[in-house]
C-alpha atoms as a PDB file:
ATOM      1  CA  UNK A   1      95.776-106.017-133.266  1.00  0.00           C
ATOM      2  CA  UNK A   2      97.966-102.981-133.893  1.00  0.00           C
ATOM      3  CA  UNK A   3      96.234 -99.686-133.278  1.00  0.00           C
ATOM      4  CA  UNK A   4      97.365 -96.218-134.267  1.00  0.00           C
ATOM      5  CA  UNK A   5      98.117 -95.538-130.588  1.00  0.00           C
ATOM      6  CA  UNK A   6     100.418 -98.587-130.444  1.00  0.00           C
ATOM      7  CA  UNK A   7     102.176 -97.460-133.633  1.00  0.00           C
ATOM      8  CA  UNK A   8     102.847 -94.051-132.102  1.00  0.00           C
ATOM      9  CA  UNK A   9     104.322 -95.637-128.961  1.00  0.00           C
ATOM     10  CA  UNK A  10     106.466 -98.030-131.025  1.00  0.00           C
ATOM     11  CA  UNK A  11     107.675 -95.156-133.246  1.00  0.00           C
ATOM     12  CA  UNK A  12     108.626 -93.063-130.215  1.00  0.00           C
ATOM     13  CA  UNK A  13     110.567 -95.980-128.708  1.00  0.00           C
ATOM     14  CA  UNK A  14     112.453 -96.545-131.959  1.00  0.00           C
ATOM     15  CA  UNK A  15     113.373 -92.847-132.119  1.00  0.00           C
ATOM     16  CA  UNK A  16     114.655 -92.902-128.539  1.00  0.00           C
ATOM     17  CA  UNK A  17     116.650 -96.089-129.119  1.00  0.00           C
ATOM     18  CA  UNK A  18     118.253 -94.752-132.290  1.00  0.00           C
ATOM     19  CA  UNK A  19     119.276 -91.552-130.457  1.00  0.00           C
ATOM     20  CA  UNK A  20     120.753 -93.438-127.466  1.00  0.00           C
ATOM     21  CA  UNK A  21     124.323 -93.655-128.863  1.00  0.00           C
ATOM     22  CA  UNK A  22     124.334 -89.897-129.431  1.00  0.00           C
ATOM     23  CA  UNK A  23     123.110 -89.204-125.894  1.00  0.00           C
ATOM     24  CA  UNK A  24     125.700 -91.572-124.409  1.00  0.00           C
ATOM     25  CA  UNK A  25     128.731 -89.807-125.893  1.00  0.00           C
ATOM     26  CA  UNK A  26     131.882 -90.587-123.971  1.00  0.00           C
ATOM     27  CA  UNK A  27     133.386 -87.665-122.073  1.00  0.00           C
ATOM     28  CA  UNK A  28     136.425 -87.242-119.869  1.00  0.00           C
ATOM     29  CA  UNK A  29     138.999 -84.841-118.529  1.00  0.00           C
ATOM     30  CA  UNK A  30     142.439 -84.651-116.987  1.00  0.00           C
ATOM     31  CA  UNK A  31     145.158 -82.240-115.974  1.00  0.00           C
ATOM     32  CA  UNK A  32     148.316 -81.974-118.056  1.00  0.00           C
ATOM     33  CA  UNK A  33     151.555 -79.998-117.629  1.00  0.00           C
ATOM     34  CA  UNK A  34     153.217 -78.816-120.829  1.00  0.00           C
ATOM     35  CA  UNK A  35     156.901 -77.887-120.422  1.00  0.00           C
ATOM     36  CA  UNK A  36     157.547 -76.141-123.752  1.00  0.00           C
ATOM     37  CA  UNK A  37     155.564 -74.592-126.612  1.00  0.00           C
ATOM     38  CA  UNK A  38     154.025 -77.332-128.772  1.00  0.00           C
ATOM     39  CA  UNK A  39     151.577 -77.698-131.630  1.00  0.00           C
ATOM     40  CA  UNK A  40     148.403 -79.737-131.227  1.00  0.00           C
ATOM     41  CA  UNK A  41     146.264 -80.331-134.322  1.00  0.00           C
ATOM     42  CA  UNK A  42     147.599 -77.133-135.913  1.00  0.00           C
ATOM     43  CA  UNK A  43     147.163 -74.905-132.829  1.00  0.00           C
ATOM     44  CA  UNK A  44     149.950 -73.700-130.550  1.00  0.00           C
ATOM     45  CA  UNK A  45     149.921 -74.549-126.836  1.00  0.00           C
ATOM     46  CA  UNK A  46     152.130 -72.507-124.506  1.00  0.00           C
ATOM     47  CA  UNK A  47     153.945 -74.017-121.500  1.00  0.00           C
ATOM     48  CA  UNK A  48     151.828 -74.384-118.375  1.00  0.00           C
ATOM     49  CA  UNK A  49     149.192 -76.450-116.630  1.00  0.00           C
ATOM     50  CA  UNK A  50     146.024 -77.304-118.514  1.00  0.00           C
ATOM     51  CA  UNK A  51     142.674 -78.836-117.751  1.00  0.00           C
ATOM     52  CA  UNK A  52     141.864 -80.900-120.812  1.00  0.00           C
ATOM     53  CA  UNK A  53     138.321 -82.044-121.569  1.00  0.00           C
ATOM     54  CA  UNK A  54     137.195 -84.246-124.407  1.00  0.00           C
ATOM     55  CA  UNK A  55     133.972 -85.553-125.855  1.00  0.00           C
ATOM     56  CA  UNK A  56     133.870 -88.421-128.317  1.00  0.00           C
ATOM     57  CA  UNK A  57     131.548 -87.913-131.275  1.00  0.00           C
ATOM     58  CA  UNK A  58     130.931 -89.460-134.660  1.00  0.00           C
ATOM     59  CA  UNK A  59     134.032 -87.823-136.173  1.00  0.00           C
ATOM     60  CA  UNK A  60     136.543 -88.401-133.380  1.00  0.00           C
ATOM     61  CA  UNK A  61     137.026 -86.338-130.239  1.00  0.00           C
ATOM     62  CA  UNK A  62     136.474 -82.656-129.604  1.00  0.00           C
ATOM     63  CA  UNK A  63     139.249 -81.611-127.195  1.00  0.00           C
ATOM     64  CA  UNK A  64     139.463 -78.374-125.195  1.00  0.00           C
ATOM     65  CA  UNK A  65     142.715 -77.265-123.532  1.00  0.00           C
ATOM     66  CA  UNK A  66     141.952 -74.711-120.768  1.00  0.00           C
ATOM     67  CA  UNK A  67     144.938 -72.925-119.265  1.00  0.00           C
ATOM     68  CA  UNK A  68     144.651 -73.219-115.449  1.00  0.00           C
ATOM     69  CA  UNK A  69     143.975 -69.807-113.910  1.00  0.00           C
ATOM     70  CA  UNK A  70     143.409 -68.163-117.283  1.00  0.00           C
ATOM     71  CA  UNK A  71     140.282 -68.102-119.476  1.00  0.00           C
ATOM     72  CA  UNK A  72     142.321 -68.926-122.598  1.00  0.00           C
ATOM     73  CA  UNK A  73     141.105 -72.069-124.372  1.00  0.00           C
ATOM     74  CA  UNK A  74     142.305 -73.990-127.387  1.00  0.00           C
ATOM     75  CA  UNK A  75     139.797 -76.278-129.114  1.00  0.00           C
ATOM     76  CA  UNK A  76     140.975 -79.015-131.474  1.00  0.00           C
ATOM     77  CA  UNK A  77     139.837 -82.308-133.014  1.00  0.00           C
ATOM     78  CA  UNK A  78     141.553 -85.657-132.587  1.00  0.00           C
ATOM     79  CA  UNK A  79     141.070 -89.245-133.667  1.00  0.00           C
ATOM     80  CA  UNK A  80     140.186 -92.006-131.203  1.00  0.00           C
ATOM     81  CA  UNK A  81     142.068 -95.267-130.830  1.00  0.00           C
ATOM     82  CA  UNK A  82     140.912 -97.901-128.343  1.00  0.00           C
ATOM     83  CA  UNK A  83     143.492 -99.398-125.992  1.00  0.00           C
ATOM     84  CA  UNK A  84     143.627-102.982-124.688  1.00  0.00           C
ATOM     85  CA  UNK A  85     143.483-101.724-121.109  1.00  0.00           C
ATOM     86  CA  UNK A  86     142.746 -98.538-119.202  1.00  0.00           C
ATOM     87  CA  UNK A  87     145.602 -96.083-118.754  1.00  0.00           C
ATOM     88  CA  UNK A  88     147.124 -95.777-115.278  1.00  0.00           C
ATOM     89  CA  UNK A  89     147.930 -92.074-115.759  1.00  0.00           C
ATOM     90  CA  UNK A  90     147.351 -88.906-117.782  1.00  0.00           C
ATOM     91  CA  UNK A  91     150.062 -88.491-120.401  1.00  0.00           C
ATOM     92  CA  UNK A  92     150.816 -86.224-123.340  1.00  0.00           C
ATOM     93  CA  UNK A  93     153.169 -87.836-125.873  1.00  0.00           C
ATOM     94  CA  UNK A  94     155.404 -85.110-127.331  1.00  0.00           C
ATOM     95  CA  UNK A  95     157.277 -85.691-130.581  1.00  0.00           C
ATOM     96  CA  UNK A  96     157.717 -84.176-134.033  1.00  0.00           C
ATOM     97  CA  UNK A  97     154.761 -83.657-136.352  1.00  0.00           C
ATOM     98  CA  UNK A  98     154.982 -84.002-140.149  1.00  0.00           C
ATOM     99  CA  UNK A  99     156.264 -80.402-140.410  1.00  0.00           C
ATOM    100  CA  UNK A 100     159.086 -81.144-137.941  1.00  0.00           C
ATOM    101  CA  UNK A 101     157.632 -79.061-135.088  1.00  0.00           C
ATOM    102  CA  UNK A 102     157.400 -80.177-131.467  1.00  0.00           C
ATOM    103  CA  UNK A 103     153.839 -81.442-131.141  1.00  0.00           C
ATOM    104  CA  UNK A 104     151.461 -83.380-128.945  1.00  0.00           C
ATOM    105  CA  UNK A 105     151.081 -86.635-130.843  1.00  0.00           C
ATOM    106  CA  UNK A 106     148.494 -88.177-128.526  1.00  0.00           C
ATOM    107  CA  UNK A 107     146.889 -87.969-125.089  1.00  0.00           C
ATOM    108  CA  UNK A 108     146.138 -90.729-122.575  1.00  0.00           C
ATOM    109  CA  UNK A 109     143.629 -90.244-119.750  1.00  0.00           C
ATOM    110  CA  UNK A 110     143.858 -92.065-116.426  1.00  0.00           C
ATOM    111  CA  UNK A 111     141.166 -94.711-116.091  1.00  0.00           C
ATOM    112  CA  UNK A 112     140.166 -94.556-119.777  1.00  0.00           C
ATOM    113  CA  UNK A 113     140.795 -97.079-122.546  1.00  0.00           C
ATOM    114  CA  UNK A 114     141.221 -94.499-125.307  1.00  0.00           C
ATOM    115  CA  UNK A 115     144.075 -92.642-126.904  1.00  0.00           C
ATOM    116  CA  UNK A 116     143.317 -89.324-128.629  1.00  0.00           C
ATOM    117  CA  UNK A 117     145.669 -88.966-131.590  1.00  0.00           C
ATOM    118  CA  UNK A 118     146.524 -85.635-133.272  1.00  0.00           C
ATOM    119  CA  UNK A 119     148.223 -84.665-136.536  1.00  0.00           C
END
């Protein structure tokens, strides 16, 4: 027999289970050295060392570039692509964007099986 108390408990469990993917968002970070000015997702990054943090959400990854030793931050969005295996290193792939500017095309993070792609 289902009581109102049981229905409340079942409803609360369903709410918690449906929110679980949101709570378990994938996060990561790495250190990157940028040798020349580049564009990343429409924002300019100056040469230097950066701590880069990301968090995967429903619409891709929110990425924050923090200049080491300086409070300056650049926040951008990227798309996620899954890799067949985890990356052995942190890497920033530099190339030309659609406007012909030097740009970070994607980032790899050591120990992670994702690639964050920018345009």
